């Protein structure tokens, strides 16, 4: 996960949990902190799922570009020239 480390996210989650515990008697504040924790949890789990769910059905850009032949020229029986505007 580029940019933000798991350590940073987990540290922030701990701070949010501490705040929720400090305000345990105030339902609206507890819900605010718990929602924040939920978002951070999803950030970690979704990033892991995205890595695991790479669709092998489609080739990568690198695979496609490796197979390109720069000297490939289309030959048509009725083509008059090299330009796409030659009919």
N, C-alpha and C. Protein backbone atom coordinates (compact mmCIF):
# COMPACT_ATOMS: atom_id res chain seq x y z
N UNK A 1 0.86 -1.17 0.00
CA UNK A 1 0.00 0.00 0.00
C UNK A 1 0.90 1.23 0.00
N UNK A 2 1.00 1.92 -1.12
CA UNK A 2 1.91 3.06 -1.22
C UNK A 2 1.42 4.24 -0.40
N UNK A 3 2.37 4.97 0.17
CA UNK A 3 2.04 6.20 0.87
C UNK A 3 1.79 6.02 2.35
N UNK A 4 0.77 5.30 2.71
CA UNK A 4 0.39 5.13 4.11
C UNK A 4 0.67 3.68 4.51
N UNK A 5 1.38 3.52 5.60
CA UNK A 5 1.72 2.17 6.05
C UNK A 5 0.62 1.60 6.94
N UNK A 6 0.62 0.30 7.07
CA UNK A 6 -0.33 -0.34 7.99
C UNK A 6 -0.11 0.15 9.41
N UNK A 7 1.14 0.38 9.76
CA UNK A 7 1.47 0.87 11.10
C UNK A 7 0.77 2.21 11.37
N UNK A 8 0.80 3.10 10.39
CA UNK A 8 0.16 4.40 10.55
C UNK A 8 -1.36 4.26 10.70
N UNK A 9 -1.94 3.41 9.90
CA UNK A 9 -3.39 3.19 9.98
C UNK A 9 -3.76 2.58 11.32
N UNK A 10 -3.02 1.56 11.73
CA UNK A 10 -3.33 0.90 13.01
C UNK A 10 -3.14 1.84 14.20
N UNK A 11 -2.15 2.71 14.13
CA UNK A 11 -1.94 3.69 15.19
C UNK A 11 -3.13 4.65 15.28
N UNK A 12 -3.60 5.09 14.11
CA UNK A 12 -4.77 5.98 14.07
C UNK A 12 -6.01 5.24 14.58
N UNK A 13 -6.16 3.98 14.23
CA UNK A 13 -7.30 3.19 14.72
C UNK A 13 -7.27 3.10 16.25
N UNK A 14 -6.09 2.90 16.80
CA UNK A 14 -5.95 2.82 18.26
C UNK A 14 -6.35 4.13 18.91
N UNK A 15 -5.94 5.25 18.33
CA UNK A 15 -6.32 6.56 18.86
C UNK A 15 -7.84 6.76 18.82
N UNK A 16 -8.45 6.33 17.72
CA UNK A 16 -9.90 6.45 17.60
C UNK A 16 -10.60 5.56 18.64
N UNK A 17 -10.07 4.37 18.87
CA UNK A 17 -10.64 3.48 19.88
C UNK A 17 -10.50 4.09 21.27
N UNK A 18 -9.35 4.68 21.55
CA UNK A 18 -9.15 5.35 22.84
C UNK A 18 -10.16 6.48 23.03
N UNK A 19 -10.41 7.23 21.97
CA UNK A 19 -11.40 8.31 22.04
C UNK A 19 -12.81 7.75 22.27
N UNK A 20 -13.12 6.65 21.61
CA UNK A 20 -14.43 6.02 21.80
C UNK A 20 -14.60 5.56 23.25
N UNK A 21 -13.55 4.98 23.80
CA UNK A 21 -13.60 4.54 25.20
C UNK A 21 -13.73 5.73 26.15
N UNK A 22 -13.08 6.82 25.83
CA UNK A 22 -13.13 8.01 26.69
C UNK A 22 -14.52 8.65 26.68
N UNK A 23 -15.26 8.44 25.60
CA UNK A 23 -16.59 9.02 25.47
C UNK A 23 -17.67 7.94 25.43
N UNK A 24 -17.43 6.84 26.12
CA UNK A 24 -18.32 5.69 26.07
C UNK A 24 -19.75 6.01 26.50
N UNK A 25 -19.92 7.07 27.25
CA UNK A 25 -21.26 7.43 27.71
C UNK A 25 -22.02 8.31 26.72
N UNK A 26 -21.37 8.68 25.60
CA UNK A 26 -22.00 9.53 24.59
C UNK A 26 -22.11 8.77 23.26
N UNK A 27 -23.30 8.25 23.03
CA UNK A 27 -23.52 7.36 21.89
C UNK A 27 -23.09 7.98 20.56
N UNK A 28 -23.43 9.24 20.31
CA UNK A 28 -23.09 9.86 19.03
C UNK A 28 -21.59 9.95 18.80
N UNK A 29 -20.83 10.24 19.84
CA UNK A 29 -19.37 10.29 19.71
C UNK A 29 -18.78 8.90 19.53
N UNK A 30 -19.30 7.93 20.24
CA UNK A 30 -18.82 6.55 20.10
C UNK A 30 -19.04 6.09 18.66
N UNK A 31 -20.23 6.35 18.13
CA UNK A 31 -20.52 5.95 16.76
C UNK A 31 -19.59 6.63 15.76
N UNK A 32 -19.29 7.89 16.00
CA UNK A 32 -18.36 8.63 15.12
C UNK A 32 -16.99 7.95 15.10
N UNK A 33 -16.47 7.61 16.26
CA UNK A 33 -15.15 6.99 16.34
C UNK A 33 -15.16 5.56 15.77
N UNK A 34 -16.23 4.84 16.01
CA UNK A 34 -16.33 3.46 15.51
C UNK A 34 -16.44 3.47 13.98
N UNK A 35 -17.19 4.41 13.44
CA UNK A 35 -17.28 4.51 11.98
C UNK A 35 -15.91 4.81 11.37
N UNK A 36 -15.16 5.67 12.03
CA UNK A 36 -13.81 5.98 11.57
C UNK A 36 -12.94 4.72 11.56
N UNK A 37 -13.06 3.93 12.61
CA UNK A 37 -12.30 2.68 12.70
C UNK A 37 -12.74 1.72 11.60
N UNK A 38 -14.03 1.68 11.33
CA UNK A 38 -14.56 0.80 10.28
C UNK A 38 -13.98 1.18 8.91
N UNK A 39 -13.92 2.46 8.63
CA UNK A 39 -13.36 2.93 7.35
C UNK A 39 -11.90 2.53 7.22
N UNK A 40 -11.16 2.70 8.30
CA UNK A 40 -9.74 2.34 8.25
C UNK A 40 -9.56 0.82 8.11
N UNK A 41 -10.43 0.05 8.74
CA UNK A 41 -10.38 -1.40 8.59
C UNK A 41 -10.65 -1.79 7.15
N UNK A 42 -11.65 -1.17 6.54
CA UNK A 42 -11.96 -1.46 5.14
C UNK A 42 -10.82 -1.04 4.21
N UNK A 43 -10.15 0.03 4.57
CA UNK A 43 -9.00 0.47 3.77
C UNK A 43 -7.94 -0.62 3.71
N UNK A 44 -7.67 -1.23 4.85
CA UNK A 44 -6.66 -2.31 4.90
C UNK A 44 -7.17 -3.56 4.21
N UNK A 45 -8.37 -3.99 4.54
CA UNK A 45 -8.87 -5.26 3.98
C UNK A 45 -9.15 -5.14 2.49
N UNK A 46 -9.67 -4.01 2.03
CA UNK A 46 -9.94 -3.85 0.61
C UNK A 46 -8.67 -3.81 -0.21
N UNK A 47 -7.61 -3.20 0.32
CA UNK A 47 -6.36 -3.16 -0.43
C UNK A 47 -5.77 -4.56 -0.57
N UNK A 48 -5.94 -5.39 0.44
CA UNK A 48 -5.46 -6.78 0.36
C UNK A 48 -6.30 -7.59 -0.62
N UNK A 49 -7.62 -7.39 -0.61
CA UNK A 49 -8.49 -8.10 -1.53
C UNK A 49 -8.21 -7.71 -2.97
N UNK A 50 -7.93 -6.42 -3.20
CA UNK A 50 -7.63 -5.96 -4.55
C UNK A 50 -6.39 -6.65 -5.11
N UNK A 51 -5.39 -6.86 -4.27
CA UNK A 51 -4.18 -7.56 -4.71
C UNK A 51 -4.46 -9.02 -5.02
N UNK A 52 -5.36 -9.62 -4.24
CA UNK A 52 -5.66 -11.04 -4.43
C UNK A 52 -6.60 -11.29 -5.60
N UNK A 53 -7.36 -10.28 -6.01
CA UNK A 53 -8.37 -10.45 -7.04
C UNK A 53 -7.93 -9.95 -8.40
N UNK A 54 -6.67 -10.06 -8.71
CA UNK A 54 -6.22 -9.68 -10.03
C UNK A 54 -6.83 -10.67 -11.01
N UNK A 55 -7.46 -10.15 -12.03
CA UNK A 55 -8.19 -10.99 -12.97
C UNK A 55 -7.22 -11.57 -14.00
N UNK A 56 -6.89 -12.85 -13.91
CA UNK A 56 -5.95 -13.46 -14.84
C UNK A 56 -6.54 -13.67 -16.23
N UNK A 57 -7.84 -13.44 -16.37
CA UNK A 57 -8.53 -13.62 -17.64
C UNK A 57 -8.01 -12.62 -18.69
N UNK A 58 -7.61 -11.45 -18.23
CA UNK A 58 -7.14 -10.42 -19.13
C UNK A 58 -5.63 -10.25 -18.99
N UNK A 59 -4.92 -10.15 -20.09
CA UNK A 59 -3.46 -9.99 -20.00
C UNK A 59 -3.11 -8.59 -19.50
N UNK A 60 -1.95 -8.46 -18.92
CA UNK A 60 -1.49 -7.15 -18.46
C UNK A 60 -1.01 -6.34 -19.66
N UNK A 61 -0.87 -5.05 -19.46
CA UNK A 61 -0.37 -4.18 -20.52
C UNK A 61 1.02 -4.63 -20.95
N UNK A 62 1.84 -5.03 -20.00
CA UNK A 62 3.20 -5.48 -20.32
C UNK A 62 3.16 -6.71 -21.22
N UNK A 63 2.24 -7.64 -20.93
CA UNK A 63 2.13 -8.84 -21.76
C UNK A 63 1.73 -8.50 -23.19
N UNK A 64 0.82 -7.57 -23.33
CA UNK A 64 0.34 -7.19 -24.66
C UNK A 64 1.43 -6.47 -25.45
N UNK A 65 2.11 -5.53 -24.81
CA UNK A 65 3.13 -4.76 -25.53
C UNK A 65 4.34 -5.59 -25.88
N UNK A 66 4.64 -6.63 -25.12
CA UNK A 66 5.76 -7.51 -25.45
C UNK A 66 5.50 -8.24 -26.76
N UNK A 67 4.24 -8.52 -27.03
CA UNK A 67 3.89 -9.30 -28.21
C UNK A 67 3.67 -8.46 -29.47
N UNK A 68 3.79 -7.15 -29.35
CA UNK A 68 3.60 -6.29 -30.51
C UNK A 68 4.83 -6.33 -31.40
N UNK A 69 4.61 -6.37 -32.68
CA UNK A 69 5.69 -6.34 -33.65
C UNK A 69 5.67 -4.97 -34.31
N UNK A 70 6.69 -4.16 -34.08
CA UNK A 70 6.72 -2.79 -34.60
C UNK A 70 6.76 -2.75 -36.13
N UNK A 71 7.24 -3.78 -36.75
CA UNK A 71 7.36 -3.80 -38.21
C UNK A 71 6.14 -4.40 -38.91
N UNK A 72 5.12 -4.69 -38.14
CA UNK A 72 3.93 -5.32 -38.70
C UNK A 72 3.22 -4.35 -39.64
N UNK A 73 2.90 -4.81 -40.82
CA UNK A 73 2.20 -3.98 -41.78
C UNK A 73 0.99 -4.75 -42.30
N UNK A 74 -0.15 -4.11 -42.27
CA UNK A 74 -1.37 -4.73 -42.75
C UNK A 74 -1.37 -4.69 -44.27
N UNK A 75 -1.66 -5.81 -44.88
CA UNK A 75 -1.72 -5.87 -46.33
C UNK A 75 -3.15 -6.17 -46.75
N UNK A 76 -3.68 -5.29 -47.54
CA UNK A 76 -5.02 -5.48 -48.09
C UNK A 76 -4.91 -5.53 -49.60
N UNK A 77 -5.68 -6.39 -50.20
CA UNK A 77 -5.63 -6.54 -51.65
C UNK A 77 -6.02 -5.26 -52.38
N UNK A 78 -6.96 -4.51 -51.81
CA UNK A 78 -7.46 -3.34 -52.52
C UNK A 78 -6.89 -2.03 -51.97
N UNK A 79 -5.90 -2.07 -51.12
CA UNK A 79 -5.30 -0.86 -50.56
C UNK A 79 -4.42 -0.20 -51.59
N UNK A 80 -4.46 1.16 -51.65
CA UNK A 80 -3.68 1.90 -52.65
C UNK A 80 -2.40 2.48 -52.10
N UNK A 81 -2.28 2.64 -50.78
CA UNK A 81 -1.08 3.27 -50.24
C UNK A 81 -0.96 3.06 -48.76
N UNK A 82 0.03 3.77 -48.16
CA UNK A 82 0.30 3.62 -46.76
C UNK A 82 -0.61 4.46 -45.86
N UNK A 83 -1.28 5.45 -46.40
CA UNK A 83 -2.11 6.35 -45.63
C UNK A 83 -3.48 5.73 -45.37
N UNK A 84 -4.06 6.09 -44.25
CA UNK A 84 -5.41 5.59 -43.97
C UNK A 84 -6.43 6.29 -44.86
N UNK A 85 -6.01 7.39 -45.52
CA UNK A 85 -6.92 8.12 -46.40
C UNK A 85 -6.81 7.67 -47.85
N UNK A 86 -5.91 6.76 -48.14
CA UNK A 86 -5.81 6.21 -49.51
C UNK A 86 -6.85 5.11 -49.64
N UNK A 87 -7.70 5.28 -50.64
CA UNK A 87 -8.77 4.29 -50.84
C UNK A 87 -8.54 3.52 -52.11
